[in-house]
Protein backbone atom coordinates (compact mmCIF):
# COMPACT_ATOMS: atom_id res chain seq x y z
CA MET A 1 163.46 88.77 151.51
CA ASP A 2 159.71 88.04 152.34
CA ILE A 3 157.78 86.59 149.50
CA ASP A 4 154.07 86.93 149.29
CA ARG A 5 153.04 83.54 148.09
CA GLU A 6 149.33 84.37 148.07
CA ALA A 7 149.91 87.21 145.62
CA ILE A 8 152.03 84.92 143.53
CA LEU A 9 149.26 82.19 143.50
CA ARG A 10 146.76 84.76 142.61
CA THR A 11 148.88 85.84 139.51
CA PHE A 12 149.34 82.08 138.70
CA LEU A 13 145.57 81.69 138.68
CA ALA A 14 145.01 84.61 136.48
CA GLU A 15 147.88 83.82 133.89
CA SER A 16 146.76 80.04 133.85
CA GLU A 17 143.16 81.02 132.85
CA GLU A 18 144.53 83.42 130.15
CA HIS A 19 146.87 80.60 128.90
CA LEU A 20 144.18 77.98 128.86
CA SER A 21 141.70 80.25 127.03
CA ALA A 22 144.45 80.96 124.34
CA MET A 23 145.00 77.28 123.94
CA GLU A 24 141.34 76.54 123.66
CA GLN A 25 140.84 78.98 120.96
CA ALA A 26 143.87 77.82 119.11
CA LEU A 27 142.76 74.19 119.30
CA VAL A 28 139.41 75.08 117.81
CA ALA A 29 141.21 77.13 115.01
CA LEU A 30 143.78 74.16 114.49
CA GLU A 31 140.89 71.78 113.74
CA ALA A 32 139.85 74.08 110.71
CA ARG A 33 143.62 74.57 109.75
CA PRO A 34 145.51 71.50 110.63
CA GLY A 35 148.56 72.59 108.61
CA ASP A 36 149.05 75.85 110.70
CA GLU A 37 152.37 75.55 112.11
CA GLU A 38 152.11 78.84 114.08
CA LEU A 39 148.96 77.57 116.02
CA ILE A 40 150.64 74.13 116.80
CA GLN A 41 153.70 76.12 118.29
CA LEU A 42 151.38 78.44 120.28
CA ILE A 43 149.58 75.55 121.84
CA PHE A 44 152.93 73.74 122.58
CA ARG A 45 154.41 77.00 124.15
CA VAL A 46 151.25 77.27 126.50
CA ALA A 47 151.64 73.73 127.84
CA HIS A 48 155.31 74.19 128.37
CA THR A 49 154.73 77.49 130.11
CA LEU A 50 152.18 75.86 132.43
CA LYS A 51 154.35 72.92 133.11
CA GLY A 52 157.22 75.21 134.16
CA SER A 53 155.09 77.48 136.28
CA SER A 54 153.36 74.47 138.19
CA ASP A 55 156.72 72.76 138.81
CA SER A 56 158.25 76.00 140.27
CA LEU A 57 155.25 76.54 142.45
CA GLY A 58 155.37 73.01 143.85
CA PHE A 59 152.46 71.46 141.96
CA PRO A 60 153.92 68.23 140.65
CA VAL A 61 150.48 66.68 139.73
CA ILE A 62 149.68 69.56 137.36
CA ALA A 63 153.30 69.63 136.03
CA ASP A 64 153.11 65.89 135.28
CA PHE A 65 149.72 66.36 133.56
CA ALA A 66 151.21 69.16 131.44
CA HIS A 67 154.29 67.35 130.64
CA THR A 68 152.12 64.34 129.33
CA LEU A 69 150.17 66.81 127.23
CA GLU A 70 153.37 68.45 126.01
CA ASP A 71 154.47 65.06 124.81
CA HIS A 72 151.18 64.49 122.96
CA LEU A 73 151.62 67.83 121.38
CA ALA A 74 155.12 67.14 120.44
CA ARG A 75 153.81 64.01 118.36
CA ILE A 76 151.57 66.48 116.62
CA ARG A 77 154.34 68.95 115.92
CA GLU A 78 156.53 66.16 114.43
CA ARG A 79 153.56 64.99 112.36
CA THR A 80 153.65 61.47 113.82
CA THR A 81 150.07 62.04 115.08
CA THR A 82 147.47 63.21 112.55
CA ILE A 83 145.18 65.97 113.69
CA THR A 84 141.61 64.92 113.59
CA GLY A 85 138.39 65.90 115.33
CA GLY A 86 138.89 63.17 117.89
CA VAL A 87 142.49 64.23 118.68
CA ILE A 88 141.27 67.90 118.97
CA THR A 89 138.35 66.79 121.38
CA VAL A 90 140.72 64.97 123.75
CA LEU A 91 143.07 68.06 123.77
CA LEU A 92 140.15 70.27 124.60
CA GLN A 93 139.18 67.83 127.39
CA ALA A 94 142.69 68.28 128.73
CA VAL A 95 142.04 72.04 128.90
CA ASP A 96 138.91 71.52 130.82
CA ALA A 97 140.66 69.14 133.28
CA LEU A 98 143.52 71.71 133.72
CA ARG A 99 140.83 74.38 134.42
CA GLN A 100 139.61 72.14 137.25
CA MET A 101 143.02 71.05 138.52
CA VAL A 102 144.81 74.58 138.81
CA PRO A 103 142.33 76.19 141.32
CA ALA A 104 142.14 72.90 143.22
CA ALA A 105 145.86 72.66 143.67
CA VAL A 106 146.21 76.28 144.81
CA ALA A 107 143.55 75.51 147.39
CA GLY A 108 145.62 72.60 148.76
CA LEU A 109 143.83 69.69 146.85
CA GLU A 110 146.19 68.24 144.31
CA GLU A 111 144.97 64.75 144.22
CA MET A 112 144.22 63.58 140.81
CA GLU A 113 140.47 62.73 140.19
CA PRO A 114 139.75 59.38 138.34
CA ALA A 115 138.38 61.18 135.35
CA HIS A 116 141.68 63.23 135.11
CA ALA A 117 143.70 60.13 135.32
CA ALA A 118 141.76 58.39 132.63
CA LEU A 119 142.37 61.32 130.29
CA LEU A 120 146.01 61.33 131.26
CA LYS A 121 146.42 57.72 130.24
CA ARG A 122 144.72 58.65 126.84
CA LEU A 123 147.13 61.46 126.24
CA ALA A 124 150.14 59.31 127.15
CA GLN A 125 148.92 56.37 124.67
CA GLY A 126 148.09 59.07 122.09
CA THR A 127 144.60 57.94 121.60
CA SER A 128 141.63 60.28 120.55
CA ALA A 129 138.25 60.74 122.01
CA GLY A 130 135.57 58.35 120.90
CA PRO A 131 131.89 59.26 120.64
CA GLU A 132 131.18 57.76 123.98
CA ASP A 133 133.48 60.01 125.72
CA SER A 134 132.22 62.91 127.78
CA PHE A 135 134.40 65.12 129.78
CA GLY A 136 134.38 68.76 130.80
CA PRO A 137 131.58 71.47 130.42
CA ALA A 138 130.89 70.99 126.78
CA SER A 139 129.54 67.61 127.16
CA GLY A 140 126.36 68.67 128.81
CA HIS A 141 126.84 66.48 131.85
CA ASP A 142 127.31 67.93 135.56
CA GLN A 143 130.85 67.24 136.18
CA THR A 144 131.91 67.81 139.79
CA SER A 145 135.33 69.31 140.06
CA ALA A 146 137.79 69.10 142.77
CA ARG A 147 136.87 72.47 144.07
CA ASP A 148 133.21 71.33 145.00
CA LYS A 149 134.65 68.42 147.14
CA GLY A 150 137.31 70.22 149.31
CA PRO A 151 137.33 72.50 152.31
CA GLU A 152 135.74 75.81 152.55
CA ASN A 153 138.93 77.72 151.63
CA VAL A 154 138.74 76.28 147.99
CA GLN A 155 136.05 78.63 147.05
CA THR A 156 138.13 81.64 148.19
CA TRP A 157 140.82 80.55 145.60
CA THR A 158 138.56 79.60 142.85
CA ASP A 159 136.58 82.78 142.74
CA ARG A 160 138.10 84.54 139.83
CA THR A 161 139.86 87.67 140.87
CA ARG A 162 138.05 90.79 139.49
CA SER A 163 140.78 92.48 137.64
CA ILE A 164 141.65 93.96 134.32
CA ARG A 165 144.90 94.88 132.66
CA VAL A 166 145.30 98.67 132.03
CA ASP A 167 147.49 100.69 129.71
CA ILE A 168 150.28 102.14 131.77
CA GLN A 169 149.84 105.47 129.99
CA LYS A 170 146.34 105.65 131.26
CA LEU A 171 147.44 105.13 134.81
CA ASP A 172 150.15 107.77 134.51
CA ARG A 173 147.81 110.39 133.09
CA MET A 174 145.41 109.46 136.19
CA LEU A 175 148.33 109.93 138.55
CA ASN A 176 149.15 113.45 136.90
CA LEU A 177 145.64 114.47 137.09
CA ALA A 178 145.39 113.61 140.83
CA GLY A 179 148.39 115.70 141.47
CA GLU A 180 147.16 118.66 139.45
CA ILE A 181 143.80 118.49 141.29
CA ALA A 182 145.72 118.46 144.73
CA ILE A 183 147.48 121.53 143.60
CA ALA A 184 144.46 123.35 142.26
CA LEU A 185 142.59 122.52 145.48
CA GLY A 186 145.34 124.16 147.57
CA ARG A 187 145.30 127.02 145.32
CA LEU A 188 141.44 127.32 145.69
CA ARG A 189 141.77 127.05 149.48
CA GLN A 190 144.34 129.95 149.65
CA VAL A 191 141.95 132.06 147.44
CA GLN A 192 139.03 131.48 149.56
CA GLU A 193 140.92 132.47 152.71
CA ALA A 194 142.03 135.66 150.89
CA GLN A 195 138.58 136.44 149.95
CA ALA A 196 137.76 137.65 153.29
CA ARG A 197 140.07 140.53 152.75
CA ARG A 198 139.32 141.30 149.12
CA GLU A 199 136.83 140.65 146.40
CA ASP A 200 137.82 139.44 142.83
CA ASP A 201 137.15 136.68 140.30
CA GLU A 202 140.31 134.70 141.24
CA GLY A 203 138.05 132.18 143.30
CA LEU A 204 135.90 131.60 140.26
CA GLU A 205 138.84 130.91 138.12
CA ALA A 206 140.49 128.50 140.56
CA GLN A 207 137.07 126.78 140.94
CA GLY A 208 136.96 126.53 137.03
CA VAL A 209 140.28 124.93 136.98
CA VAL A 210 139.39 122.30 139.55
CA ASP A 211 136.17 121.44 137.73
CA ALA A 212 137.97 120.89 134.37
CA LEU A 213 140.67 118.59 136.08
CA TRP A 214 138.05 116.63 137.80
CA MET A 215 136.01 116.16 134.66
CA GLU A 216 139.22 114.91 132.91
CA LEU A 217 140.01 112.52 135.67
CA GLN A 218 136.50 111.12 135.66
CA GLU A 219 136.85 110.47 131.87
CA GLN A 220 140.22 108.89 132.43
CA ILE A 221 138.80 106.44 135.13
CA LEU A 222 136.01 105.55 132.77
CA LYS A 223 138.50 104.79 130.06
CA VAL A 224 140.53 102.53 132.59
CA ARG A 225 137.19 100.35 132.94
CA MET A 226 136.75 99.92 129.17
CA VAL A 227 137.89 96.59 127.68
CA PRO A 228 137.62 95.25 124.21
CA VAL A 229 134.83 92.72 123.56
CA GLY A 230 137.20 90.63 121.49
CA PRO A 231 138.32 88.26 124.29
CA THR A 232 134.73 87.71 125.29
CA PHE A 233 133.63 86.89 121.75
CA ARG A 234 136.56 84.49 121.07
CA GLN A 235 135.25 82.26 124.04
CA TYR A 236 132.50 81.26 122.00
CA PHE A 237 134.73 79.53 119.15
CA ARG A 238 134.69 76.44 121.51
CA THR A 239 130.90 76.74 122.16
CA VAL A 240 129.96 76.81 118.36
CA ARG A 241 132.27 73.94 117.67
CA ASP A 242 130.93 71.65 120.42
CA LEU A 243 127.37 72.33 119.91
CA SER A 244 127.40 71.77 116.14
CA GLN A 245 129.24 68.51 116.50
CA ALA A 246 126.86 67.41 119.32
CA HIS A 247 123.81 67.91 116.88
CA GLY A 248 125.39 66.59 113.76
CA LYS A 249 125.96 70.08 112.12
CA LEU A 250 128.67 72.13 110.75
CA ALA A 251 129.00 75.68 112.02
CA ARG A 252 131.78 78.26 112.41
CA LEU A 253 131.94 81.47 114.34
CA VAL A 254 133.00 84.69 112.68
CA ILE A 255 133.82 87.81 114.66
CA HIS A 256 133.65 91.43 113.61
CA GLY A 257 134.51 94.52 115.77
CA GLU A 258 136.60 92.71 118.35
CA ASP A 259 138.41 96.19 119.11
CA VAL A 260 135.19 97.80 120.17
CA GLU A 261 135.50 98.59 123.97
CA LEU A 262 132.90 98.27 126.74
CA ASP A 263 132.75 98.96 130.36
CA THR A 264 134.21 95.89 132.11
CA THR A 265 130.82 95.44 134.14
CA VAL A 266 128.88 95.46 130.94
CA VAL A 267 131.11 92.78 129.38
CA GLU A 268 130.48 90.45 132.49
CA HIS A 269 126.78 90.87 132.16
CA LEU A 270 126.76 90.17 128.48
CA LYS A 271 128.16 86.57 128.74
CA ASP A 272 124.91 84.77 129.62
CA PRO A 273 122.94 86.43 126.90
CA LEU A 274 125.53 85.76 124.32
CA THR A 275 125.65 82.16 125.39
CA HIS A 276 121.87 81.72 125.12
CA MET A 277 121.63 83.43 121.75
CA ILE A 278 124.67 81.32 120.31
CA ARG A 279 123.06 78.16 121.53
CA ASN A 280 119.75 79.15 119.95
CA ALA A 281 121.39 80.00 116.68
CA VAL A 282 123.08 76.61 116.37
CA ASP A 283 120.21 74.65 117.75
CA HIS A 284 117.22 76.35 116.12
CA GLY A 285 118.85 78.22 113.30
CA ILE A 286 121.59 76.41 111.49
CA GLU A 287 120.24 73.35 109.45
CA PRO A 288 121.91 70.05 109.08
CA PRO A 289 124.55 69.87 106.26
CA GLU A 290 122.42 67.87 103.97
CA VAL A 291 119.55 70.34 104.25
CA ARG A 292 121.74 73.32 103.57
CA ARG A 293 123.34 71.56 100.61
CA ALA A 294 119.80 70.98 99.15
CA LYS A 295 118.93 74.48 99.60
CA GLY A 296 122.14 75.49 97.79
CA LYS A 297 123.91 76.88 100.89
CA ASP A 298 127.37 76.20 102.11
CA PRO A 299 127.05 72.98 104.33
CA CYS A 300 128.91 74.70 107.08
CA GLY A 301 126.71 77.43 108.78
CA ARG A 302 127.94 80.74 109.91
CA VAL A 303 127.15 82.42 113.29
CA THR A 304 128.51 86.00 113.25
CA LEU A 305 129.11 88.22 116.33
CA ASN A 306 129.21 91.95 115.39
CA ALA A 307 130.11 94.90 117.58
CA SER A 308 130.01 98.50 116.59
CA HIS A 309 129.44 102.04 117.94
CA GLU A 310 126.12 103.84 117.18
CA ALA A 311 125.11 107.05 118.45
CA GLY A 312 126.89 106.81 121.75
CA SER A 313 125.81 103.24 122.46
CA ILE A 314 127.28 99.81 121.63
CA VAL A 315 125.49 97.70 119.15
CA ILE A 316 126.16 93.94 119.43
CA GLN A 317 124.62 91.49 116.86
CA VAL A 318 124.38 87.73 116.82
CA VAL A 319 123.71 86.85 113.23
CA ASP A 320 123.03 83.24 111.88
CA ASP A 321 122.58 82.39 108.16
CA GLY A 322 120.24 79.49 109.08
CA ALA A 323 116.51 78.73 108.34
CA GLY A 324 115.15 81.94 110.12
CA LEU A 325 112.30 82.00 112.57
CA ASP A 326 109.48 79.65 111.82
CA ARG A 327 106.67 82.12 112.04
CA GLN A 328 103.94 79.71 111.54
CA ARG A 329 105.19 77.70 114.47
CA ILE A 330 105.32 80.75 116.50
CA ARG A 331 101.77 81.58 115.65
CA GLN A 332 100.60 78.16 116.70
CA ARG A 333 102.51 78.31 120.00
CA ALA A 334 101.06 81.75 120.65
CA ARG A 335 97.62 80.54 120.17
CA ALA A 336 98.20 77.50 122.09
CA VAL A 337 99.30 79.22 125.22
CA GLY A 338 96.88 82.15 124.95
CA MET A 339 99.36 85.06 124.18
CA VAL A 340 97.31 86.38 121.47
CA ALA A 341 93.65 85.73 120.51
CA ASP A 342 94.34 85.85 116.64
CA PRO A 343 98.03 85.47 115.78
CA ASN A 344 97.26 85.99 111.97
CA THR A 345 96.59 89.68 112.72
CA VAL A 346 99.70 90.39 114.59
CA PRO A 347 102.38 92.26 112.63
CA GLU A 348 105.46 90.10 111.92
CA GLU A 349 107.82 92.16 114.11
CA ASP A 350 105.54 91.90 117.05
CA LEU A 351 105.30 88.19 116.39
CA ASP A 352 109.05 87.76 116.38
CA ARG A 353 109.33 89.64 119.77
CA LEU A 354 107.23 86.81 121.36
CA ILE A 355 110.42 84.62 121.53
CA PHE A 356 111.43 86.88 124.41
CA GLU A 357 108.51 86.16 126.56
CA PRO A 358 108.88 83.87 129.66
CA GLY A 359 108.19 80.15 128.78
CA PHE A 360 107.80 80.70 125.16
CA SER A 361 109.48 78.01 123.10
CA THR A 362 108.85 76.48 119.63
CA ALA A 363 110.92 73.40 120.19
CA GLU A 364 109.09 70.24 119.74
CA ALA A 365 110.74 68.60 122.63
CA VAL A 366 112.92 69.54 125.61
CA THR A 367 116.52 68.85 125.16
CA GLU A 368 119.68 69.73 127.03
CA ILE A 369 120.02 72.94 125.01
CA SER A 370 116.54 74.21 124.56
CA GLY A 371 112.80 73.57 124.82
CA ARG A 372 111.99 75.16 128.26
CA GLY A 373 111.37 78.78 127.03
CA VAL A 374 113.87 80.24 129.48
CA GLY A 375 117.05 81.23 127.12
CA MET A 376 115.59 84.16 125.31
CA ASP A 377 113.62 85.44 128.46
CA VAL A 378 117.07 85.47 130.16
CA VAL A 379 118.45 87.46 127.25
CA ARG A 380 115.74 90.20 127.48
CA ARG A 381 115.85 90.45 131.46
CA ASN A 382 119.81 90.74 131.40
CA ILE A 383 119.76 93.41 128.62
CA ASP A 384 116.96 95.32 130.48
CA ALA A 385 119.03 95.23 133.64
CA LEU A 386 122.01 96.83 131.63
CA ARG A 387 119.57 99.77 130.54
CA GLY A 388 119.77 98.43 126.88
CA SER A 389 117.32 97.03 124.40
CA VAL A 390 117.03 93.92 122.30
CA GLY A 391 115.18 93.14 119.18
CA VAL A 392 115.01 90.47 116.43
CA THR A 393 114.74 90.42 112.66
CA SER A 394 114.47 87.22 110.52
CA ARG A 395 114.06 86.40 106.90
CA PRO A 396 112.71 82.80 106.06
CA GLY A 397 115.57 80.61 104.63
CA GLU A 398 118.16 83.45 105.19
CA GLY A 399 118.72 83.59 108.91
CA THR A 400 118.01 85.62 111.94
CA THR A 401 119.66 88.76 113.51
CA VAL A 402 119.33 89.54 117.27
CA THR A 403 120.47 93.10 118.01
CA MET A 404 121.36 94.45 121.43
CA ARG A 405 121.87 98.14 122.18
CA LEU A 406 123.87 98.81 125.33
CA PRO A 407 125.30 101.92 127.19
CA LEU A 408 129.03 102.29 126.98
CA THR A 409 129.15 102.36 130.90
CA LEU A 410 126.95 101.61 133.82
CA SER A 411 128.63 104.24 136.05
CA ILE A 412 127.58 107.45 134.49
CA ILE A 413 124.51 108.37 132.24
CA GLU A 414 123.23 111.37 130.50
CA GLY A 415 120.09 111.96 132.39
CA LEU A 416 116.96 114.48 132.18
CA GLY A 417 116.00 115.69 135.55
CA VAL A 418 112.33 116.02 136.36
CA GLY A 419 110.37 117.19 139.42
CA VAL A 420 107.25 115.80 140.82
CA GLY A 421 106.12 117.45 144.17
CA GLU A 422 109.06 117.69 146.43
CA GLU A 423 110.91 114.75 144.59
CA THR A 424 113.45 114.77 141.86
CA TYR A 425 113.88 111.82 139.40
CA VAL A 426 116.30 111.25 136.61
CA LEU A 427 115.34 109.72 133.34
CA PRO A 428 118.10 108.09 131.13
CA LEU A 429 118.50 110.47 128.14
CA GLU A 430 118.66 107.68 125.70
CA THR A 431 115.06 106.61 126.49
CA VAL A 432 113.73 110.12 126.01
CA LEU A 433 112.36 111.02 122.75
CA GLU A 434 110.77 114.62 123.32
CA CYS A 435 108.95 116.77 125.95
CA LEU A 436 105.55 118.62 125.52
CA GLU A 437 103.03 120.14 127.69
CA LEU A 438 100.11 118.13 128.83
CA PRO A 439 96.87 119.29 126.91
CA ALA A 440 94.54 121.25 128.81
CA GLU A 441 91.68 118.77 128.21
CA GLU A 442 93.75 115.87 129.82
CA ARG A 443 94.40 117.58 133.10
CA ASP A 444 92.09 115.78 135.39
CA PRO A 445 93.72 115.63 138.71
CA ASP A 446 91.65 112.54 139.60
CA ARG A 447 92.93 110.48 136.69
CA GLY A 448 96.44 108.91 136.93
CA GLN A 449 96.63 107.95 133.32
CA GLY A 450 95.10 108.53 130.01
CA VAL A 451 95.83 108.87 126.30
CA ILE A 452 96.81 112.08 124.18
CA ASN A 453 97.04 112.69 120.52
CA LEU A 454 100.77 112.90 119.43
CA ARG A 455 100.70 114.19 115.95
CA GLY A 456 97.97 111.69 114.92
CA GLN A 457 99.20 108.71 117.14
CA ALA A 458 97.66 107.63 120.34
CA LEU A 459 100.17 108.11 123.10
CA PRO A 460 99.15 106.51 126.59
CA PHE A 461 100.51 108.38 129.57
CA LEU A 462 100.73 107.95 133.28
CA ARG A 463 101.50 110.50 136.04
CA LEU A 464 104.61 109.75 137.98
CA ARG A 465 102.80 111.29 140.94
CA ASP A 466 100.36 108.21 140.91
CA GLN A 467 102.98 105.79 139.96
CA PHE A 468 104.84 106.34 143.28
CA ALA A 469 101.98 107.46 145.31
CA LEU A 470 103.20 110.89 146.05
CA PRO A 471 101.13 113.21 148.15
CA GLY A 472 99.38 116.44 146.86
CA PRO A 473 97.54 117.56 143.77
CA PRO A 474 99.36 118.01 140.37
CA PRO A 475 100.20 121.64 139.39
CA PRO A 476 97.79 123.56 136.94
CA ARG A 477 100.50 123.10 134.17
CA GLU A 478 102.10 119.74 133.64
CA ASN A 479 104.70 118.34 131.22
CA ILE A 480 104.83 115.11 129.34
CA VAL A 481 108.06 113.34 128.71
CA VAL A 482 107.78 110.81 125.85
CA VAL A 483 109.99 107.75 126.48
CA GLN A 484 110.57 104.70 124.20
CA HIS A 485 111.30 101.14 125.11
CA GLU A 486 111.84 98.78 122.16
CA ALA A 487 108.96 99.76 119.79
CA ARG A 488 106.43 101.05 122.59
CA LEU A 489 106.09 104.68 123.43
CA LEU A 490 104.81 106.01 126.72
CA GLY A 491 104.23 109.46 128.15
CA LEU A 492 105.26 110.27 131.63
CA ALA A 493 103.51 113.39 133.26
CA VAL A 494 105.72 115.35 135.60
CA ASP A 495 105.55 118.77 137.26
CA ARG A 496 108.83 120.30 136.13
CA LEU A 497 111.76 119.78 133.73
CA TYR A 498 115.13 120.46 135.06
CA GLY A 499 117.21 119.81 131.92
CA THR A 500 120.09 117.24 131.21
CA SER A 501 123.31 116.55 132.91
CA GLN A 502 125.74 113.85 133.47
CA THR A 503 124.68 111.59 136.42
CA VAL A 504 126.84 109.26 138.51
CA ILE A 505 124.74 106.21 139.22
CA LYS A 506 124.83 104.90 142.72
CA PRO A 507 123.48 101.37 143.40
CA LEU A 508 120.40 100.97 145.67
CA GLY A 509 120.77 98.97 148.96
CA ASP A 510 119.52 95.29 149.16
CA LEU A 511 116.12 96.55 150.78
CA PHE A 512 115.33 98.73 147.61
CA LYS A 513 116.79 96.50 144.67
CA THR A 514 113.24 95.15 143.95
CA LEU A 515 111.44 98.33 143.84
CA PRO A 516 109.42 98.46 140.62
CA GLY A 517 110.36 101.35 138.34
CA ILE A 518 113.75 102.32 140.04
CA ALA A 519 117.01 101.56 138.55
CA GLY A 520 119.37 103.39 141.02
CA SER A 521 120.02 106.70 142.71
CA ALA A 522 122.20 109.76 142.20
CA ILE A 523 123.47 112.57 144.53
CA LEU A 524 122.23 116.03 143.43
CA GLY A 525 124.45 119.10 143.60
CA ASN A 526 122.27 120.34 146.68
CA GLY A 527 123.19 116.97 148.47
CA ARG A 528 119.67 115.41 148.03
CA VAL A 529 119.07 111.99 146.64
CA ALA A 530 117.33 111.62 143.21
CA LEU A 531 115.98 108.26 142.09
CA ILE A 532 116.87 107.12 138.57
CA LEU A 533 113.93 105.57 136.76
CA ASP A 534 113.86 102.11 135.17
CA VAL A 535 111.98 103.22 131.96
CA PRO A 536 111.85 99.64 130.51
CA GLY A 537 110.39 98.38 133.71
CA ILE A 538 107.72 101.15 133.82
CA VAL A 539 106.75 100.51 130.14
CA GLN A 540 106.51 96.79 130.80
CA GLN A 541 104.18 97.46 133.80
CA ARG A 542 101.94 99.58 131.71
CA VAL A 543 101.90 96.82 128.97
CA HIS A 544 101.10 94.13 131.41
CA ARG A 545 98.18 96.31 132.96
CA GLU A 546 96.66 96.78 129.38
CA GLU A 547 97.01 92.96 128.64
CA ALA A 548 95.35 92.11 132.02
CA PHE A 549 92.48 94.68 131.34
CA VAL A 550 91.97 93.17 127.81
CA ALA A 551 91.93 89.80 129.19
CA ALA A 552 89.47 90.60 131.90
CA ARG A 553 87.02 92.01 129.37
CA ARG A 554 86.95 88.97 127.12
């Protein structure tokens, strides 16, 4: 019998990562609940499973390391070793070491590095980590793993396989739908051939059956791509633990809504923003224990991750119960870098949004965690790329809440079709507030932008014809589509409104990815290509033009 060793190794890699993530989360929980026998047994079982899998696949170095780790865990299980912060730290370092050793061994590099050997010795002796120890990604140092030192094929193995586990019932339903569609298409083909001889409505009926089946199949495919956010959220137990220890603070992570599901692509793009926001919450928000005690707070701070559904979108919040934003410091920094002329006249909500600007930081000094003004800018850019929005609220002394609103999926959107000249564009429906006719007094074909009165509120607008340099004059009657990004409204003048429909997003080629104002493309029913507009990008362009104009007049 032929054995596909490569397939077995891919499974080993995926399962090892799952086991190590489970061990990591259990160790962080064990530090808070050292008497929890169930956690100890779970950690022991993971080490035992990894040892057996490595030994059966012919990786003796990993098997020996896991065996020594198992011995150390056995002493904890037998209560001959007391669970302390130092013990947990060295066990977490063992998890980091195994994360490096497993992919290296699969790639053919199973030599034990000096750092791993030193850690193995500490495990064998049963010693805990001291304050001078630094090992693994949490230490802040740049550790070079075996995969960075080996041959080129290492990278092939260490690139994590893009896969998700799918409920078998979902796959069964998709298979049934595919069969039903094949039958319906066969029926439709027969009806179309028979229509040459007779005229009736059987063809329309058959087409309707195919359309209904196709819509259900599309819905099932989208459901298969949905994964709960819980596993992603739970990765940050370790992050909060290590960061709080590194800064002499006490903090714990609380999770709500871990069963909420998101498109797997959205989840992948969410990891960097969450990392930056949690680091900021611990570094800037949570106060030292003695300060919190003096304020009457629990000495242990709390960082909360919330996920919920809201109006067809996903809302994710990062909440801390720390000191809140230092608005006086934000005002001083804004004045120092010239972002605003008089920060005292800026509303608090606009002032808070300055933390998302590139290079803006209120940190007194640059550290390994913060101070360069990059983190929150990365958050905003990543959320914009997901067609989402991000905002912040804060109350002095009570904490800060960063709220992200994201689409359920990146594959399909509800879009509003608009026409400009011979071209068709699609606006994501979640950004559209309303449509109205452009007032007659503003229909100057020589002006590409202007301001109209929207129920007593000044609404700036621009013509998409001028935005994309399309030829020809605008028609006698134009429409304004009012769109919103964060708290800013903008009107887009278009020639025609085509109505709403579901739109499948097609990515742009590498040559067109950097086009300003364009987020993707879609194939229309007539076979033509429509461009999907990047509303946040267009709004930001308009804001930057206004700021440059104001700065030039000073």
